Amino acid sequence: MKLTIRNNNIKALLAQILLVIHLPVLALTENSNKKINIHSVNQILDLQKNNAAFTGYVSIDKEKIKINADRIFIKRFDENNKLIINAYGKPVTFSQIQDKGKKKEIIQGHANKLRYEQSKDCVELSGNAFIQQQNSSIQADRITYLVKEQKMHAYSKNKNSRVTTTILLMSSKKQNKSNSINQKK
């Protein structure tokens, strides 16, 4: 009898873990049915409060997204399973591979804190925030990215610190060559 109860408890626990940790982080909805691997030294799950805490060398790997942090806390809200994810580290690092047709681009960055609110589809990096895509980058005290709207807002904490953006501009010859290559495909 104890074996059956324990077996049912384990099945229920696994089902809850899958529900709590459904990570559509950074809006990769096209692969939301793919598996998520979470590795850490400690993992604490509170099934009644829908909380999960991962501490000690935490790494999350979901298809094209990788996040590394010291600590990650996940809270699930309401019947729609909306999530808030808070990751902390010195720094939290992330990378995402985006498919742009035949071309793949890597977005990577770091910050002291990463917060993702699924209901707002918003990612916020704070504390020495940095994002790089190809050879362009942005560095600020805080960067907010509204994923669906594809809008980014970078902030400095005071007038002594500044937001720095570096943009790689292609020469017109390279741009024309790139356009003609893309048109032939």
N, C-alpha and C. Protein backbone atom coordinates (compact mmCIF):
# COMPACT_ATOMS: atom_id res chain seq x y z
N MET A 1 0.82 -1.20 0.00
CA MET A 1 0.00 0.00 0.00
C MET A 1 0.86 1.26 0.00
N LYS A 2 1.92 1.29 0.82
CA LYS A 2 2.81 2.45 0.87
C LYS A 2 3.47 2.68 -0.47
N LEU A 3 3.84 1.60 -1.14
CA LEU A 3 4.48 1.71 -2.45
C LEU A 3 3.55 2.37 -3.45
N THR A 4 2.26 2.02 -3.44
CA THR A 4 1.29 2.61 -4.34
C THR A 4 1.11 4.09 -4.03
N ILE A 5 1.00 4.45 -2.78
CA ILE A 5 0.84 5.84 -2.40
C ILE A 5 2.06 6.65 -2.81
N ARG A 6 3.25 6.13 -2.53
CA ARG A 6 4.48 6.82 -2.91
C ARG A 6 4.57 6.97 -4.42
N ASN A 7 4.21 5.91 -5.14
CA ASN A 7 4.25 5.95 -6.60
C ASN A 7 3.30 7.02 -7.13
N ASN A 8 2.08 7.10 -6.58
CA ASN A 8 1.12 8.13 -6.99
C ASN A 8 1.62 9.52 -6.62
N ASN A 9 2.25 9.65 -5.44
CA ASN A 9 2.82 10.94 -5.03
C ASN A 9 3.92 11.38 -5.99
N ILE A 10 4.76 10.44 -6.40
CA ILE A 10 5.85 10.78 -7.33
C ILE A 10 5.28 11.22 -8.67
N LYS A 11 4.25 10.50 -9.16
CA LYS A 11 3.62 10.88 -10.43
C LYS A 11 2.99 12.27 -10.33
N ALA A 12 2.32 12.54 -9.22
CA ALA A 12 1.70 13.86 -9.02
C ALA A 12 2.76 14.94 -8.94
N LEU A 13 3.85 14.65 -8.24
CA LEU A 13 4.95 15.60 -8.11
C LEU A 13 5.55 15.91 -9.49
N LEU A 14 5.80 14.89 -10.28
CA LEU A 14 6.35 15.11 -11.62
C LEU A 14 5.40 15.93 -12.49
N ALA A 15 4.11 15.65 -12.40
CA ALA A 15 3.13 16.43 -13.17
C ALA A 15 3.15 17.89 -12.75
N GLN A 16 3.23 18.14 -11.45
CA GLN A 16 3.28 19.52 -10.95
C GLN A 16 4.56 20.23 -11.38
N ILE A 17 5.69 19.50 -11.34
CA ILE A 17 6.95 20.11 -11.76
C ILE A 17 6.84 20.57 -13.21
N LEU A 18 6.27 19.73 -14.05
CA LEU A 18 6.13 20.10 -15.46
C LEU A 18 5.24 21.33 -15.63
N LEU A 19 4.20 21.42 -14.81
CA LEU A 19 3.32 22.59 -14.89
C LEU A 19 3.99 23.85 -14.35
N VAL A 20 4.70 23.73 -13.23
CA VAL A 20 5.34 24.88 -12.61
C VAL A 20 6.46 25.42 -13.48
N ILE A 21 7.17 24.55 -14.15
CA ILE A 21 8.38 24.97 -14.84
C ILE A 21 8.20 25.01 -16.34
N HIS A 22 7.04 25.33 -16.82
CA HIS A 22 6.82 25.51 -18.25
C HIS A 22 7.37 26.89 -18.61
N LEU A 23 8.57 26.96 -19.18
CA LEU A 23 9.31 28.21 -19.37
C LEU A 23 9.22 28.74 -20.79
N PRO A 24 8.28 29.59 -21.09
CA PRO A 24 8.31 30.23 -22.40
C PRO A 24 9.20 31.47 -22.34
N VAL A 25 10.35 31.33 -21.69
CA VAL A 25 11.26 32.45 -21.48
C VAL A 25 11.66 33.07 -22.79
N LEU A 26 11.68 34.38 -22.83
CA LEU A 26 12.11 35.15 -23.99
C LEU A 26 11.29 34.82 -25.22
N ALA A 27 10.05 34.39 -25.03
CA ALA A 27 9.05 34.24 -26.08
C ALA A 27 9.42 33.28 -27.19
N LEU A 28 9.99 32.18 -26.85
CA LEU A 28 10.22 31.15 -27.87
C LEU A 28 9.01 30.23 -27.87
N THR A 29 7.89 30.75 -28.33
CA THR A 29 6.66 29.98 -28.27
C THR A 29 6.63 28.85 -29.28
N GLU A 30 7.43 28.94 -30.34
CA GLU A 30 7.40 27.88 -31.33
C GLU A 30 7.97 26.58 -30.80
N ASN A 31 8.71 26.60 -29.72
CA ASN A 31 9.23 25.36 -29.16
C ASN A 31 8.76 25.16 -27.72
N SER A 32 7.55 25.64 -27.41
CA SER A 32 7.07 25.56 -26.03
C SER A 32 6.77 24.13 -25.60
N ASN A 33 6.65 23.19 -26.53
CA ASN A 33 6.39 21.81 -26.16
C ASN A 33 7.66 21.00 -25.99
N LYS A 34 8.81 21.63 -26.13
CA LYS A 34 10.09 20.93 -26.00
C LYS A 34 10.45 20.80 -24.52
N LYS A 35 11.36 19.88 -24.25
CA LYS A 35 11.72 19.64 -22.86
C LYS A 35 12.64 20.74 -22.33
N ILE A 36 12.61 20.87 -21.01
CA ILE A 36 13.44 21.84 -20.30
C ILE A 36 14.34 21.04 -19.36
N ASN A 37 15.63 21.34 -19.39
CA ASN A 37 16.55 20.72 -18.46
C ASN A 37 17.00 21.78 -17.46
N ILE A 38 16.83 21.48 -16.18
CA ILE A 38 17.26 22.39 -15.13
C ILE A 38 18.22 21.62 -14.22
N HIS A 39 19.42 22.16 -14.09
CA HIS A 39 20.43 21.55 -13.24
C HIS A 39 20.80 22.56 -12.15
N SER A 40 20.93 22.08 -10.93
CA SER A 40 21.34 22.94 -9.83
C SER A 40 21.81 22.07 -8.67
N VAL A 41 22.43 22.71 -7.70
CA VAL A 41 22.85 21.99 -6.50
C VAL A 41 21.64 21.64 -5.65
N ASN A 42 20.69 22.57 -5.52
CA ASN A 42 19.48 22.36 -4.71
C ASN A 42 18.25 22.75 -5.51
N GLN A 43 17.16 22.01 -5.28
CA GLN A 43 15.88 22.34 -5.90
C GLN A 43 14.79 22.15 -4.85
N ILE A 44 13.98 23.21 -4.67
CA ILE A 44 12.90 23.16 -3.69
C ILE A 44 11.60 23.49 -4.43
N LEU A 45 10.62 22.60 -4.29
CA LEU A 45 9.33 22.81 -4.94
C LEU A 45 8.25 22.87 -3.89
N ASP A 46 7.45 23.94 -3.89
CA ASP A 46 6.31 24.07 -3.00
C ASP A 46 5.07 23.96 -3.88
N LEU A 47 4.48 22.77 -3.92
CA LEU A 47 3.38 22.51 -4.83
C LEU A 47 2.10 23.23 -4.43
N GLN A 48 1.91 23.48 -3.15
CA GLN A 48 0.72 24.19 -2.71
C GLN A 48 0.75 25.66 -3.10
N LYS A 49 1.92 26.27 -3.06
CA LYS A 49 2.06 27.69 -3.38
C LYS A 49 2.52 27.92 -4.82
N ASN A 50 2.73 26.84 -5.58
CA ASN A 50 3.19 26.92 -6.97
C ASN A 50 4.50 27.69 -7.11
N ASN A 51 5.43 27.41 -6.22
CA ASN A 51 6.75 28.03 -6.24
C ASN A 51 7.81 26.97 -6.52
N ALA A 52 8.88 27.40 -7.17
CA ALA A 52 10.05 26.53 -7.33
C ALA A 52 11.28 27.40 -7.11
N ALA A 53 12.27 26.85 -6.41
CA ALA A 53 13.52 27.56 -6.15
C ALA A 53 14.67 26.63 -6.54
N PHE A 54 15.59 27.19 -7.31
CA PHE A 54 16.76 26.45 -7.76
C PHE A 54 17.98 27.26 -7.34
N THR A 55 18.90 26.63 -6.62
CA THR A 55 20.07 27.36 -6.13
C THR A 55 21.34 26.56 -6.38
N GLY A 56 22.43 27.29 -6.50
CA GLY A 56 23.73 26.69 -6.66
C GLY A 56 24.02 26.28 -8.10
N TYR A 57 24.73 27.09 -8.81
CA TYR A 57 25.15 26.79 -10.19
C TYR A 57 23.98 26.33 -11.04
N VAL A 58 22.95 27.16 -11.14
CA VAL A 58 21.74 26.79 -11.86
C VAL A 58 21.95 26.98 -13.35
N SER A 59 21.56 25.99 -14.12
CA SER A 59 21.58 26.13 -15.58
C SER A 59 20.26 25.61 -16.12
N ILE A 60 19.67 26.40 -16.99
CA ILE A 60 18.44 26.03 -17.66
C ILE A 60 18.75 25.94 -19.15
N ASP A 61 18.34 24.85 -19.75
CA ASP A 61 18.57 24.63 -21.17
C ASP A 61 17.24 24.21 -21.78
N LYS A 62 16.74 25.05 -22.66
CA LYS A 62 15.48 24.76 -23.34
C LYS A 62 15.66 25.03 -24.81
N GLU A 63 16.00 23.96 -25.56
CA GLU A 63 16.12 24.08 -27.01
C GLU A 63 17.12 25.16 -27.36
N LYS A 64 16.69 26.35 -27.67
CA LYS A 64 17.57 27.41 -28.17
C LYS A 64 17.89 28.47 -27.11
N ILE A 65 17.47 28.22 -25.86
CA ILE A 65 17.70 29.19 -24.78
C ILE A 65 18.55 28.53 -23.70
N LYS A 66 19.52 29.30 -23.22
CA LYS A 66 20.34 28.85 -22.11
C LYS A 66 20.42 29.99 -21.09
N ILE A 67 20.20 29.67 -19.82
CA ILE A 67 20.32 30.64 -18.74
C ILE A 67 21.18 30.02 -17.65
N ASN A 68 22.15 30.78 -17.16
CA ASN A 68 22.99 30.36 -16.04
C ASN A 68 22.88 31.41 -14.94
N ALA A 69 22.69 30.95 -13.71
CA ALA A 69 22.51 31.88 -12.59
C ALA A 69 22.93 31.20 -11.29
N ASP A 70 23.07 32.01 -10.26
CA ASP A 70 23.32 31.47 -8.92
C ASP A 70 22.02 30.94 -8.31
N ARG A 71 20.91 31.68 -8.56
CA ARG A 71 19.60 31.33 -8.01
C ARG A 71 18.51 31.68 -9.01
N ILE A 72 17.50 30.82 -9.10
CA ILE A 72 16.34 31.11 -9.94
C ILE A 72 15.10 30.73 -9.15
N PHE A 73 14.13 31.65 -9.12
CA PHE A 73 12.86 31.43 -8.44
C PHE A 73 11.74 31.56 -9.47
N ILE A 74 10.81 30.61 -9.44
CA ILE A 74 9.70 30.61 -10.39
C ILE A 74 8.41 30.57 -9.60
N LYS A 75 7.46 31.44 -9.96
CA LYS A 75 6.15 31.50 -9.32
C LYS A 75 5.09 31.40 -10.41
N ARG A 76 4.16 30.48 -10.25
CA ARG A 76 3.07 30.32 -11.21
C ARG A 76 1.80 30.92 -10.62
N PHE A 77 1.08 31.71 -11.45
CA PHE A 77 -0.14 32.37 -11.00
C PHE A 77 -1.33 31.89 -11.81
N ASP A 78 -2.49 31.96 -11.29
CA ASP A 78 -3.81 31.78 -11.86
C ASP A 78 -3.98 30.52 -12.69
N GLU A 79 -5.20 30.36 -13.19
CA GLU A 79 -5.53 29.16 -13.95
C GLU A 79 -4.88 29.12 -15.33
N ASN A 80 -4.34 30.24 -15.80
CA ASN A 80 -3.67 30.28 -17.10
C ASN A 80 -2.19 29.95 -16.99
N ASN A 81 -1.73 29.57 -15.81
CA ASN A 81 -0.34 29.18 -15.57
C ASN A 81 0.65 30.27 -15.93
N LYS A 82 0.30 31.53 -15.75
CA LYS A 82 1.23 32.63 -16.02
C LYS A 82 2.36 32.59 -15.01
N LEU A 83 3.57 32.86 -15.48
CA LEU A 83 4.76 32.73 -14.65
C LEU A 83 5.45 34.05 -14.42
N ILE A 84 6.14 34.13 -13.29
CA ILE A 84 7.14 35.16 -13.06
C ILE A 84 8.42 34.41 -12.69
N ILE A 85 9.49 34.73 -13.39
CA ILE A 85 10.77 34.08 -13.16
C ILE A 85 11.77 35.16 -12.76
N ASN A 86 12.44 34.95 -11.63
CA ASN A 86 13.50 35.84 -11.17
C ASN A 86 14.79 35.04 -11.09
N ALA A 87 15.82 35.53 -11.78
CA ALA A 87 17.13 34.87 -11.76
C ALA A 87 18.14 35.87 -11.22
N TYR A 88 19.04 35.40 -10.34
CA TYR A 88 20.04 36.25 -9.72
C TYR A 88 21.42 35.63 -9.90
N GLY A 89 22.42 36.48 -10.08
CA GLY A 89 23.78 35.98 -10.20
C GLY A 89 24.78 37.11 -10.33
N LYS A 90 26.01 36.75 -10.35
CA LYS A 90 27.09 37.73 -10.53
C LYS A 90 27.96 37.27 -11.70
N PRO A 91 27.48 37.31 -12.89
CA PRO A 91 26.15 37.72 -13.36
C PRO A 91 25.27 36.53 -13.73
N VAL A 92 24.00 36.84 -14.04
CA VAL A 92 23.11 35.90 -14.74
C VAL A 92 23.51 36.03 -16.20
N THR A 93 23.73 34.92 -16.88
CA THR A 93 24.03 34.97 -18.31
C THR A 93 22.94 34.24 -19.07
N PHE A 94 22.72 34.67 -20.30
CA PHE A 94 21.72 34.00 -21.13
C PHE A 94 22.16 34.07 -22.58
N SER A 95 21.65 33.15 -23.35
CA SER A 95 21.83 33.19 -24.80
C SER A 95 20.61 32.57 -25.44
N GLN A 96 20.28 33.05 -26.61
CA GLN A 96 19.14 32.56 -27.36
C GLN A 96 19.52 32.53 -28.83
N ILE A 97 19.22 31.44 -29.50
CA ILE A 97 19.44 31.35 -30.94
C ILE A 97 18.12 31.66 -31.61
N GLN A 98 18.14 32.64 -32.52
CA GLN A 98 16.95 33.01 -33.28
C GLN A 98 17.16 32.59 -34.72
N ASP A 99 16.13 31.97 -35.28
CA ASP A 99 16.18 31.59 -36.68
C ASP A 99 15.68 32.75 -37.52
N LYS A 100 16.49 33.18 -38.45
CA LYS A 100 16.12 34.24 -39.40
C LYS A 100 16.21 33.63 -40.79
N GLY A 101 15.25 32.76 -41.13
CA GLY A 101 15.32 32.04 -42.38
C GLY A 101 16.42 31.01 -42.29
N LYS A 102 17.35 31.03 -43.24
CA LYS A 102 18.48 30.10 -43.21
C LYS A 102 19.56 30.59 -42.26
N LYS A 103 19.48 31.83 -41.88
CA LYS A 103 20.49 32.43 -41.01
C LYS A 103 20.07 32.32 -39.55
N LYS A 104 21.01 31.96 -38.70
CA LYS A 104 20.75 31.90 -37.27
C LYS A 104 21.53 33.02 -36.59
N GLU A 105 20.85 33.74 -35.71
CA GLU A 105 21.49 34.81 -34.95
C GLU A 105 21.48 34.45 -33.48
N ILE A 106 22.55 34.80 -32.79
CA ILE A 106 22.63 34.56 -31.36
C ILE A 106 22.49 35.88 -30.62
N ILE A 107 21.56 35.91 -29.69
CA ILE A 107 21.43 37.04 -28.78
C ILE A 107 21.98 36.55 -27.45
N GLN A 108 22.87 37.32 -26.86
CA GLN A 108 23.41 36.93 -25.57
C GLN A 108 23.55 38.15 -24.68
N GLY A 109 23.64 37.90 -23.41
CA GLY A 109 23.77 39.02 -22.50
C GLY A 109 23.98 38.57 -21.08
N HIS A 110 24.02 39.57 -20.20
CA HIS A 110 24.20 39.30 -18.78
C HIS A 110 23.66 40.46 -17.96
N ALA A 111 23.40 40.20 -16.70
CA ALA A 111 22.96 41.21 -15.73
C ALA A 111 23.05 40.58 -14.35
N ASN A 112 22.89 41.38 -13.33
CA ASN A 112 22.85 40.85 -11.97
C ASN A 112 21.50 40.20 -11.67
N LYS A 113 20.45 40.66 -12.36
CA LYS A 113 19.12 40.10 -12.16
C LYS A 113 18.40 40.04 -13.50
N LEU A 114 17.69 38.95 -13.73
CA LEU A 114 16.84 38.81 -14.90
C LEU A 114 15.44 38.50 -14.38
N ARG A 115 14.44 39.23 -14.87
CA ARG A 115 13.04 38.99 -14.47
C ARG A 115 12.21 38.83 -15.73
N TYR A 116 11.42 37.77 -15.76
CA TYR A 116 10.52 37.54 -16.88
C TYR A 116 9.10 37.44 -16.35
N GLU A 117 8.20 38.29 -16.90
CA GLU A 117 6.79 38.24 -16.54
C GLU A 117 6.02 37.79 -17.77
N GLN A 118 5.49 36.59 -17.71
CA GLN A 118 4.81 36.02 -18.86
C GLN A 118 3.55 36.80 -19.21
N SER A 119 2.79 37.28 -18.21
CA SER A 119 1.54 37.98 -18.50
C SER A 119 1.77 39.26 -19.29
N LYS A 120 2.92 39.90 -19.07
CA LYS A 120 3.27 41.13 -19.81
C LYS A 120 4.18 40.82 -20.99
N ASP A 121 4.65 39.59 -21.09
CA ASP A 121 5.64 39.17 -22.08
C ASP A 121 6.81 40.15 -22.07
N CYS A 122 7.36 40.32 -20.88
CA CYS A 122 8.39 41.33 -20.65
C CYS A 122 9.60 40.71 -19.95
N VAL A 123 10.78 41.04 -20.46
CA VAL A 123 12.03 40.63 -19.85
C VAL A 123 12.72 41.89 -19.34
N GLU A 124 13.16 41.87 -18.09
CA GLU A 124 13.88 43.01 -17.54
C GLU A 124 15.22 42.53 -17.00
N LEU A 125 16.28 43.19 -17.45
CA LEU A 125 17.63 42.93 -16.96
C LEU A 125 18.01 44.12 -16.10
N SER A 126 18.56 43.89 -14.92
CA SER A 126 18.96 45.02 -14.09
C SER A 126 20.29 44.73 -13.41
N GLY A 127 21.04 45.80 -13.17
CA GLY A 127 22.36 45.69 -12.57
C GLY A 127 23.40 45.29 -13.59
N ASN A 128 24.08 46.27 -14.16
CA ASN A 128 25.10 46.01 -15.17
C ASN A 128 24.55 45.18 -16.33
N ALA A 129 23.42 45.63 -16.88
CA ALA A 129 22.73 44.90 -17.94
C ALA A 129 23.43 45.09 -19.28
N PHE A 130 23.51 44.01 -20.05
CA PHE A 130 24.20 44.03 -21.33
C PHE A 130 23.53 43.03 -22.26
N ILE A 131 23.24 43.46 -23.49
CA ILE A 131 22.69 42.58 -24.53
C ILE A 131 23.49 42.80 -25.80
N GLN A 132 23.83 41.69 -26.48
CA GLN A 132 24.57 41.77 -27.74
C GLN A 132 23.90 40.88 -28.77
N GLN A 133 23.75 41.43 -29.97
CA GLN A 133 23.25 40.66 -31.11
C GLN A 133 24.14 41.01 -32.28
N GLN A 134 24.74 40.01 -32.88
CA GLN A 134 25.77 40.19 -33.89
C GLN A 134 26.83 41.12 -33.30
N ASN A 135 27.18 42.19 -33.98
CA ASN A 135 28.21 43.09 -33.45
C ASN A 135 27.61 44.35 -32.82
N SER A 136 26.30 44.37 -32.62
CA SER A 136 25.65 45.50 -31.98
C SER A 136 25.34 45.14 -30.53
N SER A 137 25.41 46.15 -29.65
CA SER A 137 25.16 45.88 -28.24
C SER A 137 24.59 47.09 -27.54
N ILE A 138 24.03 46.84 -26.37
CA ILE A 138 23.52 47.91 -25.52
C ILE A 138 23.88 47.56 -24.08
N GLN A 139 24.36 48.57 -23.35
CA GLN A 139 24.73 48.39 -21.95
C GLN A 139 24.08 49.51 -21.14
N ALA A 140 23.48 49.13 -20.00
CA ALA A 140 22.78 50.11 -19.16
C ALA A 140 22.63 49.53 -17.75
N ASP A 141 22.14 50.36 -16.85
CA ASP A 141 21.85 49.87 -15.51
C ASP A 141 20.64 48.93 -15.54
N ARG A 142 19.66 49.24 -16.42
CA ARG A 142 18.46 48.41 -16.54
C ARG A 142 17.98 48.43 -17.99
N ILE A 143 17.63 47.27 -18.50
CA ILE A 143 17.09 47.15 -19.86
C ILE A 143 15.77 46.38 -19.77
N THR A 144 14.71 46.96 -20.32
CA THR A 144 13.41 46.32 -20.37
C THR A 144 13.09 46.01 -21.82
N TYR A 145 12.65 44.77 -22.08
CA TYR A 145 12.34 44.35 -23.44
C TYR A 145 10.92 43.79 -23.47
N LEU A 146 10.04 44.46 -24.24
CA LEU A 146 8.68 43.96 -24.45
C LEU A 146 8.73 43.07 -25.68
N VAL A 147 8.61 41.78 -25.47
CA VAL A 147 8.90 40.80 -26.51
C VAL A 147 7.96 40.91 -27.70
N LYS A 148 6.65 40.89 -27.47
CA LYS A 148 5.69 40.93 -28.59
C LYS A 148 5.80 42.21 -29.40
N GLU A 149 6.00 43.32 -28.70
CA GLU A 149 6.10 44.61 -29.36
C GLU A 149 7.49 44.86 -29.94
N GLN A 150 8.46 44.05 -29.55
CA GLN A 150 9.85 44.20 -29.93
C GLN A 150 10.35 45.62 -29.65
N LYS A 151 10.07 46.06 -28.42
CA LYS A 151 10.51 47.37 -27.97
C LYS A 151 11.45 47.20 -26.79
N MET A 152 12.52 47.98 -26.81
CA MET A 152 13.50 47.93 -25.75
C MET A 152 13.67 49.32 -25.17
N HIS A 153 13.82 49.38 -23.86
CA HIS A 153 14.04 50.64 -23.18
C HIS A 153 15.21 50.43 -22.22
N ALA A 154 16.24 51.26 -22.37
CA ALA A 154 17.43 51.15 -21.51
C ALA A 154 17.49 52.37 -20.61
N TYR A 155 17.84 52.15 -19.34
CA TYR A 155 17.84 53.21 -18.34
C TYR A 155 19.20 53.29 -17.65
N SER A 156 19.57 54.50 -17.27
CA SER A 156 20.71 54.66 -16.35
C SER A 156 20.13 55.03 -14.99
N LYS A 157 20.84 54.70 -13.93
CA LYS A 157 20.27 54.95 -12.60
C LYS A 157 20.41 56.41 -12.16
N ASN A 158 21.34 57.14 -12.76
CA ASN A 158 21.48 58.56 -12.44
C ASN A 158 22.26 59.25 -13.56
N LYS A 159 22.45 60.55 -13.45
CA LYS A 159 23.12 61.26 -14.54
C LYS A 159 24.62 61.01 -14.60
N ASN A 160 25.19 60.35 -13.59
CA ASN A 160 26.61 59.99 -13.64
C ASN A 160 26.87 58.71 -14.42
N SER A 161 25.83 57.91 -14.64
CA SER A 161 25.99 56.71 -15.47
C SER A 161 25.22 56.91 -16.77
N ARG A 162 25.64 56.24 -17.79
CA ARG A 162 25.05 56.46 -19.11
C ARG A 162 24.66 55.12 -19.73
N VAL A 163 23.75 55.19 -20.68
CA VAL A 163 23.40 54.05 -21.52
C VAL A 163 24.33 54.11 -22.72
N THR A 164 24.91 52.97 -23.08
CA THR A 164 25.82 52.91 -24.22
C THR A 164 25.30 51.91 -25.24
N THR A 165 25.14 52.37 -26.46
CA THR A 165 24.71 51.52 -27.56
C THR A 165 25.78 51.53 -28.63
N THR A 166 26.13 50.35 -29.12
CA THR A 166 27.07 50.21 -30.22
C THR A 166 26.33 49.53 -31.36
N ILE A 167 26.32 50.16 -32.52
CA ILE A 167 25.62 49.63 -33.69
C ILE A 167 26.61 49.44 -34.81
N LEU A 168 26.62 48.24 -35.38
CA LEU A 168 27.46 47.97 -36.54
C LEU A 168 26.68 48.31 -37.79
N LEU A 169 27.17 49.28 -38.54
CA LEU A 169 26.53 49.65 -39.79
C LEU A 169 27.28 49.00 -40.93
N MET A 170 26.55 48.39 -41.84
CA MET A 170 27.19 47.77 -43.01
C MET A 170 27.42 48.85 -44.06
N SER A 171 28.54 48.76 -44.75
CA SER A 171 28.78 49.68 -45.84
C SER A 171 27.77 49.39 -46.94
N SER A 172 27.50 50.35 -47.82
CA SER A 172 26.49 50.17 -48.86
C SER A 172 26.88 49.03 -49.80
N LYS A 173 28.18 48.81 -50.05
CA LYS A 173 28.61 47.71 -50.91
C LYS A 173 28.28 46.37 -50.25
N LYS A 174 28.58 46.25 -48.96
CA LYS A 174 28.29 45.01 -48.25
C LYS A 174 26.78 44.79 -48.17
N GLN A 175 26.01 45.85 -47.93
CA GLN A 175 24.56 45.75 -47.84
C GLN A 175 23.98 45.29 -49.17
N ASN A 176 24.45 45.89 -50.29
CA ASN A 176 23.96 45.49 -51.61
C ASN A 176 24.31 44.04 -51.90
N LYS A 177 25.53 43.62 -51.55
CA LYS A 177 25.98 42.25 -51.76
C LYS A 177 25.11 41.29 -50.93
N SER A 178 24.86 41.66 -49.67
CA SER A 178 24.06 40.85 -48.79
C SER A 178 22.64 40.73 -49.34
N ASN A 179 22.06 41.84 -49.80
CA ASN A 179 20.71 41.82 -50.37
C ASN A 179 20.64 40.95 -51.60
N SER A 180 21.63 41.04 -52.49
CA SER A 180 21.60 40.25 -53.71
C SER A 180 21.77 38.76 -53.41
N ILE A 181 22.57 38.42 -52.41
CA ILE A 181 22.73 37.02 -52.01
C ILE A 181 21.40 36.49 -51.44
N ASN A 182 20.75 37.28 -50.60
CA ASN A 182 19.48 36.86 -50.02
C ASN A 182 18.39 36.72 -51.07
N GLN A 183 18.41 37.57 -52.11
CA GLN A 183 17.40 37.50 -53.17
C GLN A 183 17.60 36.25 -54.02
N LYS A 184 18.84 35.80 -54.20
CA LYS A 184 19.11 34.60 -55.00
C LYS A 184 18.62 33.35 -54.30
N LYS A 185 18.56 33.38 -52.99
CA LYS A 185 18.11 32.20 -52.22
C LYS A 185 16.66 32.07 -52.33
